[in-house]
N, C-alpha and C. Protein backbone atom coordinates (compact mmCIF):
# COMPACT_ATOMS: atom_id res chain seq x y z
N GLN A 1 40.12 44.16 -18.83
CA GLN A 1 39.41 43.23 -19.69
C GLN A 1 39.74 41.80 -19.27
N LYS A 2 38.69 40.99 -19.09
CA LYS A 2 38.89 39.63 -18.62
C LYS A 2 39.38 38.72 -19.74
N ALA A 3 40.32 37.85 -19.42
CA ALA A 3 40.79 36.88 -20.39
C ALA A 3 39.69 35.88 -20.71
N GLU A 4 39.72 35.36 -21.93
CA GLU A 4 38.72 34.36 -22.32
C GLU A 4 39.16 32.95 -21.92
N PHE A 5 40.48 32.70 -21.94
CA PHE A 5 41.00 31.38 -21.61
C PHE A 5 42.21 31.49 -20.68
N LEU A 6 42.30 30.55 -19.77
CA LEU A 6 43.55 30.24 -19.08
C LEU A 6 44.05 28.94 -19.71
N VAL A 7 45.25 28.99 -20.28
CA VAL A 7 45.82 27.81 -20.95
C VAL A 7 46.90 27.22 -20.06
N VAL A 8 46.77 25.95 -19.74
CA VAL A 8 47.75 25.27 -18.88
C VAL A 8 48.15 23.94 -19.50
N ASP A 9 49.37 23.50 -19.19
CA ASP A 9 49.73 22.12 -19.48
C ASP A 9 49.94 21.40 -18.15
N ALA A 10 50.41 20.18 -18.21
CA ALA A 10 50.50 19.36 -16.99
C ALA A 10 51.88 19.40 -16.36
N ASN A 11 52.72 20.35 -16.75
CA ASN A 11 54.07 20.40 -16.20
C ASN A 11 54.17 21.02 -14.80
N PRO A 12 53.40 22.03 -14.44
CA PRO A 12 53.55 22.63 -13.11
C PRO A 12 53.16 21.65 -12.00
N PRO A 13 53.58 21.93 -10.76
CA PRO A 13 53.14 21.10 -9.63
C PRO A 13 51.61 21.09 -9.54
N LEU A 14 51.07 19.96 -9.10
CA LEU A 14 49.62 19.80 -9.06
C LEU A 14 48.95 20.85 -8.19
N GLU A 15 49.59 21.22 -7.09
CA GLU A 15 49.02 22.24 -6.21
C GLU A 15 48.89 23.58 -6.93
N SER A 16 49.91 23.92 -7.73
CA SER A 16 49.86 25.17 -8.49
C SER A 16 48.77 25.12 -9.55
N LEU A 17 48.65 23.98 -10.22
CA LEU A 17 47.60 23.82 -11.22
C LEU A 17 46.22 23.96 -10.60
N ALA A 18 46.03 23.30 -9.46
CA ALA A 18 44.74 23.34 -8.79
C ALA A 18 44.36 24.78 -8.42
N THR A 19 45.32 25.53 -7.90
CA THR A 19 45.06 26.92 -7.53
C THR A 19 44.71 27.76 -8.76
N ALA A 20 45.47 27.58 -9.83
CA ALA A 20 45.26 28.38 -11.04
C ALA A 20 43.89 28.12 -11.66
N VAL A 21 43.54 26.84 -11.81
CA VAL A 21 42.27 26.53 -12.47
C VAL A 21 41.08 26.91 -11.58
N HIS A 22 41.27 26.82 -10.26
CA HIS A 22 40.19 27.22 -9.35
C HIS A 22 39.95 28.73 -9.46
N ARG A 23 41.01 29.52 -9.51
CA ARG A 23 40.85 30.96 -9.62
C ARG A 23 40.23 31.34 -10.97
N ALA A 24 40.62 30.64 -12.03
CA ALA A 24 40.01 30.89 -13.34
C ALA A 24 38.52 30.57 -13.31
N HIS A 25 38.19 29.45 -12.69
CA HIS A 25 36.78 29.06 -12.58
C HIS A 25 35.98 30.11 -11.82
N GLU A 26 36.53 30.59 -10.73
CA GLU A 26 35.84 31.60 -9.93
C GLU A 26 35.65 32.90 -10.71
N ALA A 27 36.56 33.19 -11.63
CA ALA A 27 36.48 34.41 -12.42
C ALA A 27 35.67 34.23 -13.70
N GLY A 28 35.16 33.02 -13.93
CA GLY A 28 34.37 32.76 -15.13
C GLY A 28 35.19 32.65 -16.39
N ILE A 29 36.44 32.20 -16.25
CA ILE A 29 37.36 32.07 -17.38
C ILE A 29 37.46 30.60 -17.79
N ASN A 30 37.38 30.34 -19.09
CA ASN A 30 37.55 28.98 -19.59
C ASN A 30 38.97 28.49 -19.30
N VAL A 31 39.09 27.19 -19.02
CA VAL A 31 40.39 26.58 -18.76
C VAL A 31 40.67 25.56 -19.85
N PHE A 32 41.77 25.76 -20.59
CA PHE A 32 42.19 24.87 -21.66
C PHE A 32 43.41 24.08 -21.19
N LEU A 33 43.30 22.76 -21.17
CA LEU A 33 44.38 21.88 -20.69
C LEU A 33 45.02 21.13 -21.85
N GLU A 34 46.34 21.23 -21.95
CA GLU A 34 47.13 20.38 -22.85
C GLU A 34 47.84 19.37 -21.96
N PRO A 35 47.46 18.09 -22.00
CA PRO A 35 47.91 17.13 -20.96
C PRO A 35 49.40 16.80 -20.94
N THR A 36 50.13 17.07 -22.02
CA THR A 36 51.59 16.94 -22.05
C THR A 36 52.09 15.52 -22.27
N SER A 37 51.69 14.58 -21.41
CA SER A 37 52.16 13.20 -21.53
C SER A 37 51.19 12.27 -20.81
N ILE A 38 51.36 10.97 -21.03
CA ILE A 38 50.46 9.99 -20.41
C ILE A 38 50.61 10.04 -18.89
N ASN A 39 51.85 10.02 -18.40
CA ASN A 39 52.07 10.00 -16.95
C ASN A 39 51.54 11.25 -16.27
N LYS A 40 51.76 12.39 -16.89
CA LYS A 40 51.29 13.64 -16.29
C LYS A 40 49.77 13.76 -16.38
N ALA A 41 49.19 13.24 -17.47
CA ALA A 41 47.74 13.22 -17.58
C ALA A 41 47.13 12.34 -16.50
N ALA A 42 47.78 11.22 -16.20
CA ALA A 42 47.27 10.31 -15.17
C ALA A 42 47.26 10.98 -13.80
N LYS A 43 48.26 11.80 -13.52
CA LYS A 43 48.30 12.50 -12.23
C LYS A 43 47.14 13.49 -12.12
N ILE A 44 46.81 14.15 -13.24
CA ILE A 44 45.67 15.05 -13.23
C ILE A 44 44.37 14.25 -13.09
N GLY A 45 44.34 13.07 -13.70
CA GLY A 45 43.17 12.22 -13.59
C GLY A 45 42.89 11.78 -12.16
N ASP A 46 43.92 11.81 -11.31
CA ASP A 46 43.75 11.45 -9.90
C ASP A 46 43.19 12.60 -9.07
N HIS A 47 43.12 13.80 -9.66
CA HIS A 47 42.73 14.99 -8.90
C HIS A 47 41.50 15.63 -9.54
N ASP A 48 40.33 15.28 -9.04
CA ASP A 48 39.10 15.84 -9.58
C ASP A 48 39.01 17.34 -9.36
N ASP A 49 39.75 17.86 -8.36
CA ASP A 49 39.70 19.29 -8.11
C ASP A 49 40.36 20.09 -9.23
N ILE A 50 41.15 19.44 -10.07
CA ILE A 50 41.73 20.09 -11.24
C ILE A 50 40.83 19.90 -12.44
N LEU A 51 40.54 18.65 -12.77
CA LEU A 51 39.81 18.35 -13.99
C LEU A 51 38.39 18.91 -13.97
N SER A 52 37.81 19.03 -12.79
CA SER A 52 36.43 19.52 -12.71
C SER A 52 36.30 21.00 -13.08
N HIS A 53 37.43 21.72 -13.17
CA HIS A 53 37.41 23.12 -13.57
C HIS A 53 37.83 23.30 -15.03
N VAL A 54 38.23 22.22 -15.69
CA VAL A 54 38.70 22.30 -17.08
C VAL A 54 37.50 22.31 -18.03
N THR A 55 37.47 23.30 -18.93
CA THR A 55 36.39 23.38 -19.92
C THR A 55 36.80 22.81 -21.27
N HIS A 56 38.10 22.85 -21.58
CA HIS A 56 38.60 22.37 -22.87
C HIS A 56 39.89 21.59 -22.63
N ALA A 57 40.08 20.50 -23.39
CA ALA A 57 41.32 19.74 -23.31
C ALA A 57 41.63 19.15 -24.67
N SER A 58 42.93 18.97 -24.94
CA SER A 58 43.36 18.45 -26.24
C SER A 58 44.30 17.25 -26.07
N PRO A 59 43.80 16.15 -25.54
CA PRO A 59 44.65 14.97 -25.36
C PRO A 59 44.73 14.12 -26.63
N ASN A 60 45.77 13.28 -26.70
CA ASN A 60 45.70 12.19 -27.67
C ASN A 60 44.93 11.05 -27.01
N VAL A 61 44.78 9.92 -27.70
CA VAL A 61 43.94 8.84 -27.17
C VAL A 61 44.51 8.28 -25.87
N ASP A 62 45.82 8.10 -25.79
CA ASP A 62 46.43 7.56 -24.58
C ASP A 62 46.30 8.54 -23.41
N GLU A 63 46.49 9.83 -23.67
CA GLU A 63 46.34 10.83 -22.61
C GLU A 63 44.89 10.93 -22.16
N LEU A 64 43.97 10.80 -23.10
CA LEU A 64 42.55 10.79 -22.75
C LEU A 64 42.24 9.68 -21.77
N THR A 65 42.72 8.49 -22.06
CA THR A 65 42.49 7.34 -21.19
C THR A 65 43.10 7.58 -19.81
N ALA A 66 44.28 8.20 -19.78
CA ALA A 66 44.94 8.49 -18.50
C ALA A 66 44.15 9.52 -17.69
N LEU A 67 43.57 10.51 -18.35
CA LEU A 67 42.76 11.50 -17.65
C LEU A 67 41.55 10.84 -16.98
N VAL A 68 41.00 9.82 -17.62
CA VAL A 68 39.81 9.16 -17.09
C VAL A 68 40.15 8.24 -15.93
N TYR A 69 41.17 7.41 -16.08
CA TYR A 69 41.46 6.38 -15.09
C TYR A 69 42.57 6.74 -14.12
N GLY A 70 43.32 7.79 -14.41
CA GLY A 70 44.38 8.18 -13.51
C GLY A 70 45.47 7.13 -13.40
N SER A 71 46.22 7.18 -12.33
CA SER A 71 47.34 6.25 -12.15
C SER A 71 46.86 4.83 -11.84
N TYR A 72 45.57 4.70 -11.52
CA TYR A 72 45.02 3.37 -11.25
C TYR A 72 45.05 2.51 -12.50
N GLY A 73 44.90 3.13 -13.67
CA GLY A 73 45.05 2.43 -14.94
C GLY A 73 43.75 1.91 -15.51
N TRP A 74 43.64 2.04 -16.82
CA TRP A 74 42.45 1.55 -17.50
C TRP A 74 42.26 0.06 -17.35
N TYR A 75 43.38 -0.68 -17.24
CA TYR A 75 43.31 -2.13 -17.26
C TYR A 75 42.57 -2.70 -16.06
N ALA A 76 42.54 -1.94 -14.96
CA ALA A 76 41.85 -2.44 -13.77
C ALA A 76 40.35 -2.53 -13.99
N HIS A 77 39.85 -1.79 -15.00
CA HIS A 77 38.42 -1.78 -15.27
C HIS A 77 38.09 -2.47 -16.59
N GLU A 78 38.78 -2.08 -17.64
CA GLU A 78 38.33 -2.44 -18.96
C GLU A 78 38.63 -3.88 -19.37
N VAL A 79 39.70 -4.46 -18.84
CA VAL A 79 40.00 -5.83 -19.20
C VAL A 79 38.87 -6.75 -18.76
N GLU A 80 38.29 -6.43 -17.60
CA GLU A 80 37.19 -7.25 -17.10
C GLU A 80 35.99 -7.17 -18.04
N ASP A 81 35.83 -6.04 -18.72
CA ASP A 81 34.71 -5.87 -19.64
C ASP A 81 35.06 -6.35 -21.05
N GLY A 82 36.28 -6.78 -21.25
CA GLY A 82 36.70 -7.22 -22.58
C GLY A 82 36.89 -6.08 -23.56
N LEU A 83 37.07 -4.86 -23.06
CA LEU A 83 37.21 -3.69 -23.92
C LEU A 83 38.60 -3.10 -23.70
N LEU A 84 39.46 -3.22 -24.69
CA LEU A 84 40.82 -2.73 -24.59
C LEU A 84 40.94 -1.37 -25.27
N PRO A 85 41.86 -0.52 -24.80
CA PRO A 85 42.05 0.77 -25.45
C PRO A 85 42.42 0.61 -26.91
N ASN A 86 41.73 1.34 -27.77
CA ASN A 86 41.98 1.27 -29.19
C ASN A 86 41.39 2.50 -29.84
N GLU A 87 41.48 2.54 -31.16
CA GLU A 87 40.99 3.70 -31.90
C GLU A 87 39.55 3.50 -32.38
N ASP A 88 38.91 2.40 -31.99
CA ASP A 88 37.57 2.15 -32.47
C ASP A 88 36.58 3.12 -31.85
N GLU A 89 35.53 3.42 -32.60
CA GLU A 89 34.55 4.42 -32.18
C GLU A 89 33.89 4.10 -30.84
N PRO A 90 33.45 2.85 -30.58
CA PRO A 90 32.79 2.59 -29.29
C PRO A 90 33.68 2.90 -28.09
N PHE A 91 34.94 2.52 -28.17
CA PHE A 91 35.85 2.80 -27.06
C PHE A 91 36.06 4.30 -26.89
N LEU A 92 36.34 4.99 -28.00
CA LEU A 92 36.62 6.42 -27.90
C LEU A 92 35.42 7.19 -27.35
N LYS A 93 34.24 6.89 -27.83
CA LYS A 93 33.06 7.61 -27.36
C LYS A 93 32.79 7.31 -25.88
N ARG A 94 33.03 6.08 -25.48
CA ARG A 94 32.82 5.72 -24.07
C ARG A 94 33.78 6.49 -23.17
N VAL A 95 35.05 6.51 -23.54
CA VAL A 95 36.04 7.18 -22.69
C VAL A 95 35.89 8.70 -22.76
N CYS A 96 35.54 9.23 -23.94
CA CYS A 96 35.27 10.67 -24.04
C CYS A 96 34.13 11.08 -23.12
N THR A 97 33.08 10.29 -23.11
CA THR A 97 31.93 10.61 -22.26
C THR A 97 32.33 10.60 -20.79
N MET A 98 33.14 9.63 -20.40
CA MET A 98 33.60 9.55 -19.02
C MET A 98 34.45 10.76 -18.66
N CYS A 99 35.31 11.18 -19.59
CA CYS A 99 36.18 12.34 -19.33
C CYS A 99 35.36 13.62 -19.27
N LEU A 100 34.43 13.80 -20.18
CA LEU A 100 33.57 14.98 -20.18
C LEU A 100 32.81 15.10 -18.86
N ASN A 101 32.41 13.97 -18.31
CA ASN A 101 31.67 13.98 -17.05
C ASN A 101 32.54 14.31 -15.85
N LYS A 102 33.87 14.22 -16.02
CA LYS A 102 34.80 14.61 -14.95
C LYS A 102 35.20 16.08 -15.06
N MET A 103 34.90 16.69 -16.20
CA MET A 103 35.30 18.07 -16.46
C MET A 103 34.24 19.05 -15.95
N ASN A 104 34.37 20.30 -16.34
CA ASN A 104 33.45 21.34 -15.89
C ASN A 104 32.00 20.91 -16.14
N PRO A 105 31.16 20.90 -15.13
CA PRO A 105 29.79 20.40 -15.29
C PRO A 105 28.91 21.27 -16.19
N LYS A 106 29.26 22.54 -16.37
CA LYS A 106 28.44 23.42 -17.19
C LYS A 106 28.79 23.35 -18.67
N GLU A 107 30.06 23.15 -18.97
CA GLU A 107 30.51 23.14 -20.36
C GLU A 107 31.82 22.38 -20.45
N ALA A 108 31.93 21.46 -21.40
CA ALA A 108 33.16 20.69 -21.54
C ALA A 108 33.38 20.31 -23.00
N HIS A 109 34.63 20.42 -23.44
CA HIS A 109 34.99 20.14 -24.83
C HIS A 109 36.29 19.34 -24.86
N LEU A 110 36.33 18.31 -25.68
CA LEU A 110 37.54 17.52 -25.89
C LEU A 110 37.91 17.55 -27.37
N ILE A 111 39.16 17.87 -27.63
CA ILE A 111 39.70 17.80 -28.98
C ILE A 111 40.72 16.68 -28.96
N VAL A 112 40.32 15.49 -29.35
CA VAL A 112 41.15 14.29 -29.21
C VAL A 112 41.93 14.08 -30.51
N THR A 113 43.25 14.21 -30.41
CA THR A 113 44.09 14.04 -31.59
C THR A 113 44.36 12.56 -31.83
N ARG A 114 44.25 12.13 -33.10
CA ARG A 114 44.31 10.71 -33.44
C ARG A 114 45.36 10.42 -34.51
N GLY A 115 46.36 11.28 -34.65
CA GLY A 115 47.38 11.03 -35.66
C GLY A 115 46.79 11.04 -37.06
N GLU A 116 47.08 10.02 -37.83
CA GLU A 116 46.63 9.95 -39.22
C GLU A 116 45.12 9.79 -39.34
N ARG A 117 44.45 9.53 -38.22
CA ARG A 117 42.98 9.42 -38.24
C ARG A 117 42.29 10.75 -37.95
N GLY A 118 43.05 11.79 -37.80
CA GLY A 118 42.45 13.11 -37.64
C GLY A 118 42.15 13.47 -36.20
N VAL A 119 41.01 14.10 -35.99
CA VAL A 119 40.60 14.60 -34.68
C VAL A 119 39.16 14.20 -34.40
N LEU A 120 38.92 13.78 -33.17
CA LEU A 120 37.55 13.56 -32.71
C LEU A 120 37.20 14.69 -31.75
N TYR A 121 36.14 15.42 -32.07
CA TYR A 121 35.67 16.50 -31.20
C TYR A 121 34.47 15.99 -30.41
N ALA A 122 34.57 16.05 -29.10
CA ALA A 122 33.49 15.61 -28.22
C ALA A 122 33.13 16.77 -27.29
N SER A 123 31.84 17.01 -27.10
CA SER A 123 31.41 18.11 -26.25
C SER A 123 30.20 17.69 -25.43
N LYS A 124 30.06 18.36 -24.29
CA LYS A 124 28.93 18.09 -23.41
C LYS A 124 28.15 19.37 -23.19
N ALA A 125 26.84 19.31 -23.45
CA ALA A 125 25.96 20.46 -23.25
C ALA A 125 25.56 20.55 -21.79
N PRO A 126 25.00 21.71 -21.38
CA PRO A 126 24.56 21.86 -19.99
C PRO A 126 23.56 20.80 -19.53
N ASP A 127 22.79 20.22 -20.47
CA ASP A 127 21.83 19.19 -20.10
C ASP A 127 22.47 17.82 -19.95
N GLY A 128 23.80 17.74 -20.14
CA GLY A 128 24.51 16.48 -19.96
C GLY A 128 24.64 15.63 -21.20
N GLN A 129 24.03 16.05 -22.31
CA GLN A 129 24.12 15.28 -23.54
C GLN A 129 25.49 15.48 -24.20
N CYS A 130 26.08 14.37 -24.65
CA CYS A 130 27.39 14.43 -25.31
C CYS A 130 27.22 14.30 -26.82
N GLN A 131 27.97 15.08 -27.55
CA GLN A 131 27.94 15.05 -29.00
C GLN A 131 29.35 14.81 -29.52
N PHE A 132 29.42 14.17 -30.69
CA PHE A 132 30.71 13.80 -31.27
C PHE A 132 30.76 14.20 -32.74
N GLN A 133 31.94 14.65 -33.17
CA GLN A 133 32.15 15.00 -34.57
C GLN A 133 33.57 14.62 -34.96
N GLN A 134 33.69 13.83 -36.02
CA GLN A 134 34.99 13.40 -36.51
C GLN A 134 35.49 14.35 -37.59
N PHE A 135 36.77 14.74 -37.49
CA PHE A 135 37.41 15.58 -38.49
C PHE A 135 38.53 14.77 -39.13
N ASP A 136 38.37 14.39 -40.37
CA ASP A 136 39.38 13.62 -41.08
C ASP A 136 40.46 14.55 -41.64
N ILE A 137 41.61 13.98 -41.86
CA ILE A 137 42.71 14.74 -42.47
C ILE A 137 42.33 15.10 -43.90
N ARG A 138 42.67 16.30 -44.31
CA ARG A 138 42.38 16.72 -45.67
C ARG A 138 43.04 15.75 -46.66
N PRO A 139 42.40 15.49 -47.80
CA PRO A 139 42.99 14.55 -48.78
C PRO A 139 44.42 14.90 -49.18
N GLU A 140 44.70 16.21 -49.31
CA GLU A 140 46.04 16.61 -49.73
C GLU A 140 47.09 16.41 -48.64
N HIS A 141 46.64 16.15 -47.40
CA HIS A 141 47.57 15.92 -46.29
C HIS A 141 47.72 14.45 -45.94
N GLN A 142 47.00 13.58 -46.62
CA GLN A 142 47.11 12.15 -46.35
C GLN A 142 48.43 11.63 -46.91
N ASN A 143 48.93 10.56 -46.30
CA ASN A 143 50.22 9.96 -46.68
C ASN A 143 51.36 10.96 -46.55
N LEU A 144 51.21 11.85 -45.59
CA LEU A 144 52.24 12.87 -45.34
C LEU A 144 53.50 12.24 -44.75
N VAL A 145 54.64 12.66 -45.24
CA VAL A 145 55.91 12.21 -44.68
C VAL A 145 56.22 13.07 -43.46
N VAL A 146 56.23 12.44 -42.29
CA VAL A 146 56.45 13.16 -41.04
C VAL A 146 57.95 13.33 -40.82
N LEU A 147 58.38 14.57 -40.72
CA LEU A 147 59.79 14.87 -40.48
C LEU A 147 60.08 15.09 -39.01
N ASN A 148 59.08 15.54 -38.25
CA ASN A 148 59.29 15.84 -36.84
C ASN A 148 57.93 15.91 -36.15
N ALA A 149 57.66 14.99 -35.24
CA ALA A 149 56.37 14.97 -34.56
C ALA A 149 56.35 15.80 -33.28
N THR A 150 57.52 16.28 -32.86
CA THR A 150 57.60 17.06 -31.62
C THR A 150 56.87 18.39 -31.77
N GLY A 151 55.92 18.64 -30.89
CA GLY A 151 55.25 19.92 -30.89
C GLY A 151 54.02 20.02 -31.75
N ALA A 152 53.66 18.95 -32.46
CA ALA A 152 52.50 19.01 -33.34
C ALA A 152 51.22 19.24 -32.55
N GLY A 153 51.09 18.56 -31.41
CA GLY A 153 49.90 18.73 -30.58
C GLY A 153 49.80 20.12 -30.00
N ASP A 154 50.93 20.67 -29.55
CA ASP A 154 50.95 22.04 -29.03
C ASP A 154 50.61 23.04 -30.13
N THR A 155 51.12 22.79 -31.33
CA THR A 155 50.84 23.68 -32.44
C THR A 155 49.36 23.66 -32.78
N LEU A 156 48.77 22.47 -32.80
CA LEU A 156 47.33 22.36 -33.05
C LEU A 156 46.54 23.15 -32.02
N ALA A 157 46.89 22.97 -30.75
CA ALA A 157 46.17 23.67 -29.68
C ALA A 157 46.33 25.18 -29.79
N GLY A 158 47.55 25.65 -30.08
CA GLY A 158 47.79 27.08 -30.19
C GLY A 158 47.04 27.72 -31.34
N ALA A 159 47.03 27.05 -32.49
CA ALA A 159 46.32 27.59 -33.65
C ALA A 159 44.81 27.56 -33.42
N LEU A 160 44.34 26.52 -32.77
CA LEU A 160 42.91 26.41 -32.45
C LEU A 160 42.48 27.57 -31.54
N LEU A 161 43.26 27.82 -30.51
CA LEU A 161 42.94 28.89 -29.57
C LEU A 161 43.01 30.26 -30.25
N HIS A 162 44.00 30.43 -31.11
CA HIS A 162 44.10 31.70 -31.84
C HIS A 162 42.85 31.93 -32.68
N ALA A 163 42.38 30.88 -33.34
CA ALA A 163 41.18 31.03 -34.17
C ALA A 163 39.95 31.35 -33.33
N LEU A 164 39.84 30.72 -32.16
CA LEU A 164 38.68 30.95 -31.30
C LEU A 164 38.70 32.37 -30.72
N VAL A 165 39.85 32.78 -30.21
CA VAL A 165 39.93 34.03 -29.46
C VAL A 165 40.14 35.24 -30.37
N GLN A 166 41.08 35.15 -31.29
CA GLN A 166 41.43 36.31 -32.11
C GLN A 166 40.55 36.47 -33.34
N GLU A 167 40.04 35.36 -33.86
CA GLU A 167 39.27 35.43 -35.10
C GLU A 167 37.78 35.19 -34.87
N GLY A 168 37.40 34.78 -33.65
CA GLY A 168 36.00 34.51 -33.39
C GLY A 168 35.45 33.34 -34.20
N ALA A 169 36.31 32.38 -34.51
CA ALA A 169 35.91 31.25 -35.34
C ALA A 169 35.01 30.29 -34.55
N SER A 170 34.24 29.51 -35.28
CA SER A 170 33.50 28.42 -34.66
C SER A 170 34.48 27.34 -34.24
N MET A 171 34.05 26.45 -33.36
CA MET A 171 34.93 25.36 -32.94
C MET A 171 35.33 24.50 -34.13
N GLU A 172 34.39 24.27 -35.03
CA GLU A 172 34.68 23.44 -36.20
C GLU A 172 35.78 24.07 -37.06
N ASP A 173 35.66 25.37 -37.34
CA ASP A 173 36.69 26.04 -38.14
C ASP A 173 38.01 26.12 -37.39
N ALA A 174 37.95 26.30 -36.07
CA ALA A 174 39.16 26.38 -35.27
C ALA A 174 39.91 25.05 -35.27
N ILE A 175 39.16 23.95 -35.21
CA ILE A 175 39.81 22.63 -35.27
C ILE A 175 40.50 22.44 -36.61
N ARG A 176 39.86 22.86 -37.69
CA ARG A 176 40.48 22.75 -39.01
C ARG A 176 41.76 23.59 -39.07
N ASP A 177 41.72 24.81 -38.53
CA ASP A 177 42.91 25.65 -38.49
C ASP A 177 44.02 24.96 -37.70
N GLY A 178 43.65 24.35 -36.57
CA GLY A 178 44.63 23.65 -35.75
C GLY A 178 45.26 22.49 -36.48
N MET A 179 44.44 21.72 -37.18
CA MET A 179 44.95 20.57 -37.94
C MET A 179 45.89 21.02 -39.05
N ASP A 180 45.55 22.11 -39.74
CA ASP A 180 46.42 22.62 -40.80
C ASP A 180 47.76 23.09 -40.24
N ALA A 181 47.71 23.73 -39.07
CA ALA A 181 48.95 24.19 -38.44
C ALA A 181 49.80 23.01 -37.99
N ALA A 182 49.16 21.95 -37.50
CA ALA A 182 49.90 20.77 -37.08
C ALA A 182 50.63 20.12 -38.24
N VAL A 183 50.03 20.17 -39.43
CA VAL A 183 50.69 19.63 -40.62
C VAL A 183 51.99 20.38 -40.89
N LEU A 184 51.96 21.70 -40.76
CA LEU A 184 53.18 22.49 -40.94
C LEU A 184 54.25 22.08 -39.93
N SER A 185 53.81 21.82 -38.70
CA SER A 185 54.76 21.41 -37.66
C SER A 185 55.38 20.05 -37.99
N LEU A 186 54.56 19.13 -38.47
CA LEU A 186 55.05 17.79 -38.81
C LEU A 186 56.07 17.81 -39.94
N GLN A 187 56.02 18.84 -40.77
CA GLN A 187 56.92 18.94 -41.91
C GLN A 187 58.13 19.82 -41.65
N CYS A 188 58.25 20.28 -40.41
CA CYS A 188 59.40 21.12 -40.05
C CYS A 188 60.44 20.26 -39.36
N PRO A 189 61.59 19.99 -39.97
CA PRO A 189 62.52 19.00 -39.43
C PRO A 189 63.33 19.43 -38.22
N ASP A 190 63.49 20.74 -38.01
CA ASP A 190 64.47 21.18 -37.02
C ASP A 190 63.91 21.98 -35.85
N ARG A 191 62.60 22.12 -35.76
CA ARG A 191 62.02 22.85 -34.63
C ARG A 191 60.57 22.44 -34.44
N ALA A 192 60.06 22.66 -33.23
CA ALA A 192 58.70 22.25 -32.92
C ALA A 192 57.66 23.12 -33.60
N VAL A 193 57.92 24.44 -33.61
CA VAL A 193 56.99 25.37 -34.24
C VAL A 193 57.63 25.91 -35.51
N PRO A 194 57.06 25.65 -36.67
CA PRO A 194 57.68 26.07 -37.94
C PRO A 194 57.67 27.58 -38.09
N PRO A 195 58.72 28.15 -38.67
CA PRO A 195 58.76 29.60 -38.87
C PRO A 195 57.67 30.10 -39.81
N SER A 196 57.13 29.21 -40.64
CA SER A 196 56.06 29.61 -41.56
C SER A 196 54.73 29.81 -40.85
N LEU A 197 54.64 29.38 -39.59
CA LEU A 197 53.40 29.50 -38.86
C LEU A 197 53.30 30.91 -38.28
N SER A 198 52.28 31.63 -38.67
CA SER A 198 52.09 33.00 -38.20
C SER A 198 50.62 33.25 -38.01
N SER A 199 50.26 34.47 -37.62
CA SER A 199 48.87 34.79 -37.32
C SER A 199 47.97 34.69 -38.55
N ASN A 200 48.57 34.69 -39.73
CA ASN A 200 47.74 34.61 -40.93
C ASN A 200 47.90 33.27 -41.63
N THR A 201 48.29 32.23 -40.88
CA THR A 201 48.47 30.91 -41.48
C THR A 201 47.22 30.44 -42.18
N SER A 202 46.05 30.61 -41.52
CA SER A 202 44.81 30.10 -42.07
C SER A 202 44.48 30.78 -43.40
N ASP A 203 44.98 32.03 -43.57
CA ASP A 203 44.71 32.72 -44.83
C ASP A 203 45.63 32.25 -45.94
N GLU A 204 46.78 31.67 -45.54
CA GLU A 204 47.76 31.26 -46.54
C GLU A 204 47.59 29.82 -46.97
N SER A 205 46.88 29.01 -46.17
CA SER A 205 46.78 27.58 -46.46
C SER A 205 45.61 27.31 -47.36
């Protein structure tokens, strides 16, 4: 039985990543990238042979910018245009579109984590049209006291993938599951993945 996703982060050597994502692409398997950090995302941004095989990615805003501009840096382009990296919608949509166009040409999805501003979901259809959907934090999770931010992004990605693969959820429902799981991670003071997080988290929340 063929896997539905190959999940990678940016920690392995670039040559190993390139080989893995190329083989997944050849086998018709979706590639989900968790960029890990700004510096590591920038290195992937320098290698189109990696990003062009990625179908899904879950960067934060800084990692997203690094994926687009690589180690060359956003400032070499955007300062001249008077557009600085920020959380405003025009900037995010512009950079998301640029990143989607560097990803798999047939299908591409970005789940951009924005901290207290929630998640921006950006996707590109086969005809090249990009669509955007904002997911705000649930009212009961606003003004949350963060005890530990380590691993929240990984937790979101893991719960999202579980919902997509194991539960057959829509992307919208999977993103909500991921956000709810990330809240549990943020409230766990002593470990990245909270012990309360299990396969039935979405049923308990």
